[in-house]
Amino acid sequence: MRLSKTFFYIQFLAVILLTGCAQSSNQQETAAPRGETTQKEWAIVIHGGAGVISREMPDSTKQAYREDLDEALSIGETILKDGGSSVDAVEQVINYLENNPKFNAGKGAVFTHDGDHELDAAIMMGHSRNAGAVTGVRTVKNPISLARLVMENSKHILFAGEGAEQYADEMEVERVNQDYFYTERRYKAWRRAIKNSDAQSSASGLFYDKDKYGTVGCVALDKDGQLVAGTSTGGMTNKRYGRVGDVPIIGSGTYASEVVAVSMTGWGERIMEAVSGHTVSEYMKHKPATLREAGSYLLREVLNPGDAGMIAVDKNGNTLMDMNTQGMFRGKADADGNREVAIWE
């Protein structure tokens, strides 16, 4: 009888403990969003690069950047308002930015050390975890479109260099010669970087200055709840040796999961070391934390000041545009009528 009572008490205590754990777990899950629980029908965020952006630029130049960001944002807004997919919105927004010489992607790509252009891009869908990326492409007008074709038509995720060019041949995407990517501004930046690297050469032969920054990106949530992230870049001015940055590395500069879509911009090496996009997603899932908390953790506790900017949208349509740099070309909009285009804090 005494043994039976003892066993009963053990069972009772076990039930109490399990109930308490379950309640604690439920409280954590319900408390995680803290003020970010309202579901938006759709949302979109864009960026055109982060880094040292001078406030002394002429007012006409500031206005031109804002108008271009506004136009890019409007392209994505229209698609999502009409019930279109987030993957279409991301691709078409980035196509526009790739075709705009103001930004370091596509037409406005920076020069490598050898005086040519090598472009990277990646795209990823959150719920399926499907992704596609290309790096070191030299003749593809819109690398983000090729990355999407990799995602949708290939059993692989990342194609590089000549292999990416060969895949572009098979997919019949629009091609251009290297002269297409030439802009006077990027040429002058390249010559300045060459001069500085000659004066301040290191054992590795690499030189990092403010021209290491620059990327375009877009993240979106559509009416079906699909999260998508996309990023495209010309890389880093004066890069050598087939250098690959963070953009085509899934989980670093580009990442989407069932909880968030992230696109990074800034110093690619630092962004890769932090596995930045994946870090934000995992922090949200396992902390648990809001999007703002996760972004702040990455930018202020993991990365160093001046390293990066990020855009993100979570599964509820909450958006984030944050940075630890001096500025970031950016914009956001959602179904509730919130809309913003900005460059500095």
Protein backbone atom coordinates (compact mmCIF):
# COMPACT_ATOMS: atom_id res chain seq x y z
CA MET A 1 0.00 0.00 0.00
CA ARG A 2 2.80 2.42 0.93
CA LEU A 3 4.54 1.67 -2.40
CA SER A 4 1.28 2.32 -4.26
CA LYS A 5 0.84 5.73 -2.59
CA THR A 6 4.44 6.65 -3.39
CA PHE A 7 3.94 5.77 -7.02
CA PHE A 8 0.74 7.86 -7.09
CA TYR A 9 2.55 10.93 -5.76
CA ILE A 10 5.35 10.49 -8.30
CA GLN A 11 2.76 10.38 -11.10
CA PHE A 12 1.00 13.46 -9.69
CA LEU A 13 4.24 15.46 -9.52
CA ALA A 14 5.12 14.41 -13.06
CA VAL A 15 1.76 15.68 -14.34
CA ILE A 16 2.25 19.02 -12.54
CA LEU A 17 5.74 19.44 -13.95
CA LEU A 18 4.67 18.56 -17.49
CA THR A 19 1.68 20.89 -17.29
CA GLY A 20 3.91 23.70 -16.07
CA CYS A 21 6.39 23.13 -18.89
CA ALA A 22 3.61 23.13 -21.46
CA GLN A 23 2.16 26.36 -20.06
CA SER A 24 5.62 27.96 -20.06
CA SER A 25 6.17 26.87 -23.66
CA ASN A 26 2.78 28.22 -24.74
CA GLN A 27 3.46 31.50 -22.96
CA GLN A 28 6.78 31.80 -24.80
CA GLU A 29 5.12 31.12 -28.14
CA THR A 30 2.32 33.62 -27.63
CA ALA A 31 4.66 36.22 -26.16
CA ALA A 32 7.25 35.98 -28.93
CA PRO A 33 5.73 38.46 -31.40
CA ARG A 34 5.09 41.16 -28.72
CA GLY A 35 3.23 43.83 -30.65
CA GLU A 36 3.98 42.28 -34.06
CA THR A 37 1.04 39.88 -34.34
CA THR A 38 -1.30 41.69 -36.76
CA GLN A 39 -1.30 39.81 -40.05
CA LYS A 40 -0.82 42.03 -43.09
CA GLU A 41 -2.11 40.88 -46.46
CA TRP A 42 1.20 41.70 -48.17
CA ALA A 43 4.40 43.61 -47.54
CA ILE A 44 7.60 44.50 -49.39
CA VAL A 45 10.99 46.02 -48.56
CA ILE A 46 13.79 47.05 -50.94
CA HIS A 47 17.37 48.27 -50.65
CA GLY A 48 19.92 49.74 -53.02
CA GLY A 49 23.05 49.31 -50.92
CA ALA A 50 24.40 50.48 -47.58
CA GLY A 51 27.65 52.12 -46.53
CA VAL A 52 29.29 55.53 -46.58
CA ILE A 53 26.65 57.69 -48.27
CA SER A 54 27.53 61.37 -48.09
CA ARG A 55 24.84 63.78 -46.96
CA GLU A 56 26.69 66.43 -48.98
CA MET A 57 25.52 65.05 -52.33
CA PRO A 58 23.58 67.61 -54.39
CA ASP A 59 19.86 67.87 -53.69
CA SER A 60 19.17 66.86 -57.28
CA THR A 61 21.12 63.62 -56.76
CA LYS A 62 19.29 62.86 -53.51
CA GLN A 63 15.97 63.44 -55.26
CA ALA A 64 16.98 61.22 -58.19
CA TYR A 65 17.82 58.34 -55.84
CA ARG A 66 14.55 58.76 -53.96
CA GLU A 67 12.58 58.79 -57.20
CA ASP A 68 14.27 55.61 -58.40
CA LEU A 69 13.67 53.86 -55.09
CA ASP A 70 10.05 55.01 -55.21
CA GLU A 71 9.67 53.59 -58.73
CA ALA A 72 11.21 50.26 -57.72
CA LEU A 73 8.90 50.06 -54.71
CA SER A 74 5.87 50.87 -56.86
CA ILE A 75 6.70 47.97 -59.21
CA GLY A 76 6.56 45.51 -56.32
CA GLU A 77 3.52 47.15 -54.73
CA THR A 78 1.49 46.87 -57.91
CA ILE A 79 2.23 43.16 -58.28
CA LEU A 80 1.36 42.36 -54.66
CA LYS A 81 -1.76 44.56 -54.58
CA ASP A 82 -3.08 42.74 -57.64
CA GLY A 83 -2.60 39.38 -55.94
CA GLY A 84 0.66 38.52 -57.69
CA SER A 85 3.35 36.35 -56.19
CA SER A 86 6.19 37.51 -54.00
CA VAL A 87 8.70 35.77 -56.26
CA ASP A 88 7.48 37.82 -59.25
CA ALA A 89 7.59 41.00 -57.17
CA VAL A 90 11.14 40.34 -55.98
CA GLU A 91 12.43 39.48 -59.45
CA GLN A 92 10.86 42.47 -61.19
CA VAL A 93 11.92 44.97 -58.54
CA ILE A 94 15.49 43.73 -58.73
CA ASN A 95 15.36 43.75 -62.55
CA TYR A 96 14.56 47.46 -62.36
CA LEU A 97 17.44 48.12 -59.96
CA GLU A 98 19.81 46.00 -62.06
CA ASN A 99 18.93 48.11 -65.10
CA ASN A 100 19.57 51.35 -63.21
CA PRO A 101 23.21 52.55 -63.39
CA LYS A 102 22.97 54.26 -59.99
CA PHE A 103 23.18 50.94 -58.16
CA ASN A 104 25.95 48.34 -57.90
CA ALA A 105 24.15 45.55 -59.74
CA GLY A 106 23.65 44.82 -63.42
CA LYS A 107 24.21 47.99 -65.45
CA GLY A 108 25.91 49.83 -62.58
CA ALA A 109 28.22 46.98 -61.51
CA VAL A 110 31.65 47.92 -60.17
CA PHE A 111 34.96 46.96 -61.78
CA THR A 112 37.13 44.06 -60.70
CA HIS A 113 40.90 44.49 -60.29
CA ASP A 114 41.36 43.37 -63.91
CA GLY A 115 38.97 46.03 -65.19
CA ASP A 116 35.98 43.86 -66.00
CA HIS A 117 32.68 42.97 -64.32
CA GLU A 118 31.57 39.83 -62.46
CA LEU A 119 28.02 39.71 -61.11
CA ASP A 120 26.31 37.66 -58.39
CA ALA A 121 22.66 37.07 -57.52
CA ALA A 122 20.46 34.79 -55.43
CA ILE A 123 16.78 34.20 -54.72
CA MET A 124 15.06 31.99 -52.16
CA MET A 125 11.49 30.98 -51.25
CA GLY A 126 10.74 30.59 -47.55
CA HIS A 127 8.23 27.76 -47.15
CA SER A 128 9.81 25.41 -49.67
CA ARG A 129 13.42 26.48 -48.96
CA ASN A 130 13.99 26.34 -52.71
CA ALA A 131 16.88 28.60 -53.77
CA GLY A 132 18.92 29.53 -56.82
CA ALA A 133 22.15 31.51 -57.16
CA VAL A 134 24.82 32.48 -59.66
CA THR A 135 28.25 33.99 -59.13
CA GLY A 136 30.87 35.45 -61.44
CA VAL A 137 28.58 35.89 -64.45
CA ARG A 138 29.95 38.26 -67.09
CA THR A 139 27.39 38.48 -69.90
CA VAL A 140 23.99 38.13 -68.18
CA LYS A 141 22.02 41.37 -68.21
CA ASN A 142 19.81 40.43 -65.24
CA PRO A 143 21.50 37.90 -62.93
CA ILE A 144 18.49 37.69 -60.59
CA SER A 145 16.41 36.23 -63.44
CA LEU A 146 19.06 33.60 -64.08
CA ALA A 147 19.14 32.80 -60.36
CA ARG A 148 15.37 32.26 -60.45
CA LEU A 149 15.77 29.87 -63.37
CA VAL A 150 18.37 27.96 -61.38
CA MET A 151 15.89 27.70 -58.52
CA GLU A 152 12.96 26.60 -60.66
CA ASN A 153 14.60 24.47 -63.37
CA SER A 154 17.77 22.98 -61.94
CA LYS A 155 18.43 20.30 -59.33
CA HIS A 156 21.38 22.44 -58.19
CA ILE A 157 21.43 25.71 -56.22
CA LEU A 158 24.59 27.60 -57.20
CA PHE A 159 26.35 27.91 -60.56
CA ALA A 160 29.69 29.74 -60.84
CA GLY A 161 31.69 31.40 -63.60
CA GLU A 162 31.80 29.48 -66.87
CA GLY A 163 29.25 27.00 -65.58
CA ALA A 164 26.79 29.81 -64.87
CA GLU A 165 27.42 31.22 -68.35
CA GLN A 166 26.75 27.80 -69.88
CA TYR A 167 23.51 27.50 -67.92
CA ALA A 168 22.56 30.96 -69.19
CA ASP A 169 23.10 29.65 -72.74
CA GLU A 170 20.65 26.81 -72.07
CA MET A 171 18.07 29.11 -70.48
CA GLU A 172 18.30 31.69 -73.28
CA VAL A 173 18.33 34.70 -70.94
CA GLU A 174 19.19 38.14 -72.29
CA ARG A 175 22.94 38.63 -72.76
CA VAL A 176 25.15 41.69 -73.12
CA ASN A 177 28.83 42.35 -73.65
CA GLN A 178 31.08 43.80 -70.96
CA ASP A 179 30.79 47.33 -72.36
CA TYR A 180 27.14 47.35 -71.29
CA PHE A 181 28.17 47.47 -67.63
CA TYR A 182 30.51 50.44 -68.03
CA THR A 183 29.65 53.65 -66.17
CA GLU A 184 31.97 56.61 -65.71
CA ARG A 185 31.30 56.76 -61.98
CA ARG A 186 32.32 53.13 -61.42
CA TYR A 187 35.35 53.55 -63.67
CA LYS A 188 36.60 56.48 -61.57
CA ALA A 189 35.99 54.53 -58.36
CA TRP A 190 38.02 51.62 -59.78
CA ARG A 191 40.93 53.87 -60.75
CA ARG A 192 40.87 55.42 -57.29
CA ALA A 193 40.89 51.96 -55.69
CA ILE A 194 43.81 50.85 -57.87
CA LYS A 195 45.79 53.93 -56.88
CA ASN A 196 45.03 53.43 -53.18
CA SER A 197 45.84 49.73 -53.26
CA ASP A 198 49.19 50.46 -54.89
CA ALA A 199 49.96 52.94 -52.12
CA GLN A 200 48.65 50.74 -49.31
CA SER A 201 49.27 47.24 -50.63
CA SER A 202 48.94 44.34 -48.26
CA ALA A 203 50.35 40.83 -48.34
CA SER A 204 47.10 39.57 -49.81
CA GLY A 205 46.95 42.28 -52.45
CA LEU A 206 43.40 43.18 -51.40
CA PHE A 207 42.32 46.69 -50.54
CA TYR A 208 39.05 47.53 -48.83
CA ASP A 209 37.61 51.02 -48.95
CA LYS A 210 34.18 52.56 -49.05
CA ASP A 211 33.63 51.06 -52.51
CA LYS A 212 33.32 47.58 -51.01
CA TYR A 213 29.69 48.40 -50.24
CA GLY A 214 26.81 48.13 -52.67
CA THR A 215 24.07 45.65 -53.51
CA VAL A 216 20.39 45.68 -54.38
CA GLY A 217 17.78 43.53 -52.74
CA CYS A 218 14.10 42.90 -52.19
CA VAL A 219 12.06 40.84 -49.73
CA ALA A 220 8.33 40.29 -49.96
CA LEU A 221 5.29 38.57 -48.45
CA ASP A 222 2.33 37.89 -50.75
CA LYS A 223 -1.36 37.16 -50.18
CA ASP A 224 -0.65 33.43 -50.10
CA GLY A 225 1.79 33.90 -47.22
CA GLN A 226 4.88 33.13 -49.29
CA LEU A 227 8.10 34.80 -48.14
CA VAL A 228 10.81 35.45 -50.75
CA ALA A 229 14.24 37.08 -50.57
CA GLY A 230 16.39 38.18 -53.50
CA THR A 231 19.71 40.01 -53.81
CA SER A 232 21.94 41.08 -56.72
CA THR A 233 25.34 42.76 -56.84
CA GLY A 234 28.37 43.69 -58.88
CA GLY A 235 30.53 42.78 -55.90
CA MET A 236 33.37 44.82 -54.47
CA THR A 237 35.41 47.38 -56.38
CA ASN A 238 38.90 46.08 -57.21
CA LYS A 239 38.08 42.51 -56.17
CA ARG A 240 40.56 39.82 -57.26
CA TYR A 241 41.05 36.09 -57.69
CA GLY A 242 37.43 35.19 -58.42
CA ARG A 243 36.30 36.60 -55.08
CA VAL A 244 32.75 35.61 -54.11
CA GLY A 245 30.79 37.75 -51.67
CA ASP A 246 27.83 37.10 -49.42
CA VAL A 247 25.02 37.59 -51.94
CA PRO A 248 25.02 34.14 -53.64
CA ILE A 249 25.81 32.30 -50.41
CA ILE A 250 22.41 31.06 -49.23
CA GLY A 251 22.04 31.84 -45.54
CA SER A 252 24.45 34.77 -45.60
CA GLY A 253 23.40 37.66 -47.82
CA THR A 254 20.19 36.04 -49.01
CA TYR A 255 17.87 33.85 -46.96
CA ALA A 256 14.19 32.99 -46.53
CA SER A 257 12.50 30.59 -44.13
CA GLU A 258 8.94 30.00 -42.95
CA VAL A 259 9.30 32.91 -40.50
CA VAL A 260 11.33 35.61 -42.30
CA ALA A 261 12.97 36.73 -45.55
CA VAL A 262 16.26 38.66 -45.35
CA SER A 263 18.50 40.51 -47.81
CA MET A 264 21.82 41.95 -46.64
CA THR A 265 24.11 44.67 -47.99
CA GLY A 266 27.52 45.85 -46.88
CA TRP A 267 30.88 44.21 -46.33
CA GLY A 268 30.38 40.74 -47.77
CA GLU A 269 33.15 39.02 -45.82
CA ARG A 270 31.71 40.15 -42.49
CA ILE A 271 28.18 39.24 -43.55
CA MET A 272 29.34 35.74 -44.52
CA GLU A 273 31.24 35.21 -41.27
CA ALA A 274 28.02 35.90 -39.34
CA VAL A 275 25.89 33.70 -41.66
CA SER A 276 23.67 36.74 -41.34
CA GLY A 277 20.36 35.84 -42.96
CA HIS A 278 20.20 32.46 -41.24
CA THR A 279 21.22 34.02 -37.92
CA VAL A 280 18.22 36.37 -38.02
CA SER A 281 15.84 33.51 -38.82
CA GLU A 282 17.16 31.19 -36.12
CA TYR A 283 17.19 33.97 -33.51
CA MET A 284 13.52 34.63 -34.23
CA LYS A 285 12.59 30.95 -34.05
CA HIS A 286 14.57 29.79 -31.05
CA LYS A 287 14.99 32.84 -28.81
CA PRO A 288 12.08 33.50 -29.57
CA ALA A 289 12.26 37.15 -30.72
CA THR A 290 10.53 39.75 -32.86
CA LEU A 291 11.94 40.75 -36.22
CA ARG A 292 13.21 44.02 -34.80
CA GLU A 293 14.94 42.26 -31.92
CA ALA A 294 16.57 39.74 -34.24
CA GLY A 295 17.79 42.44 -36.62
CA SER A 296 19.20 44.50 -33.79
CA TYR A 297 20.97 41.43 -32.40
CA LEU A 298 22.68 40.80 -35.74
CA LEU A 299 23.66 44.41 -36.46
CA ARG A 300 24.66 45.47 -32.96
CA GLU A 301 25.86 42.34 -31.18
CA VAL A 302 27.21 40.09 -33.94
CA LEU A 303 28.43 42.51 -36.62
CA ASN A 304 30.62 45.57 -36.05
CA PRO A 305 29.61 49.20 -36.62
CA GLY A 306 29.90 50.09 -40.29
CA ASP A 307 29.62 46.50 -41.53
CA ALA A 308 26.14 46.15 -42.97
CA GLY A 309 22.53 47.02 -43.56
CA MET A 310 19.59 44.65 -43.83
CA ILE A 311 16.00 44.50 -44.97
CA ALA A 312 13.54 41.86 -43.84
CA VAL A 313 9.87 40.92 -43.70
CA ASP A 314 8.38 38.31 -41.38
CA LYS A 315 5.45 35.91 -41.82
CA ASN A 316 3.02 38.48 -40.39
CA GLY A 317 4.10 41.21 -42.76
CA ASN A 318 6.16 43.15 -40.23
CA THR A 319 9.03 44.90 -42.01
CA LEU A 320 12.51 46.03 -41.04
CA MET A 321 15.05 48.37 -42.65
CA ASP A 322 18.04 48.69 -40.33
CA MET A 323 21.77 49.31 -40.58
CA ASN A 324 24.94 50.00 -38.63
CA THR A 325 26.36 52.06 -41.51
CA GLN A 326 26.04 55.78 -42.25
CA GLY A 327 23.24 55.22 -44.73
CA MET A 328 21.25 52.75 -46.80
CA PHE A 329 19.11 53.34 -49.89
CA ARG A 330 15.82 51.72 -48.93
CA GLY A 331 12.04 51.64 -49.07
CA LYS A 332 9.09 49.68 -47.72
CA ALA A 333 5.33 49.36 -48.18
CA ASP A 334 2.50 47.14 -46.97
CA ALA A 335 -1.20 46.47 -47.37
CA ASP A 336 -2.06 48.70 -44.40
CA GLY A 337 -0.89 51.78 -46.29
CA ASN A 338 2.47 52.19 -44.59
CA ARG A 339 5.04 53.49 -47.08
CA GLU A 340 8.51 54.97 -46.76
CA VAL A 341 11.57 55.74 -48.88
CA ALA A 342 14.77 56.82 -47.12
CA ILE A 343 18.56 57.07 -47.34
CA TRP A 344 19.87 58.10 -43.91
CA GLU A 345 18.61 57.57 -40.35
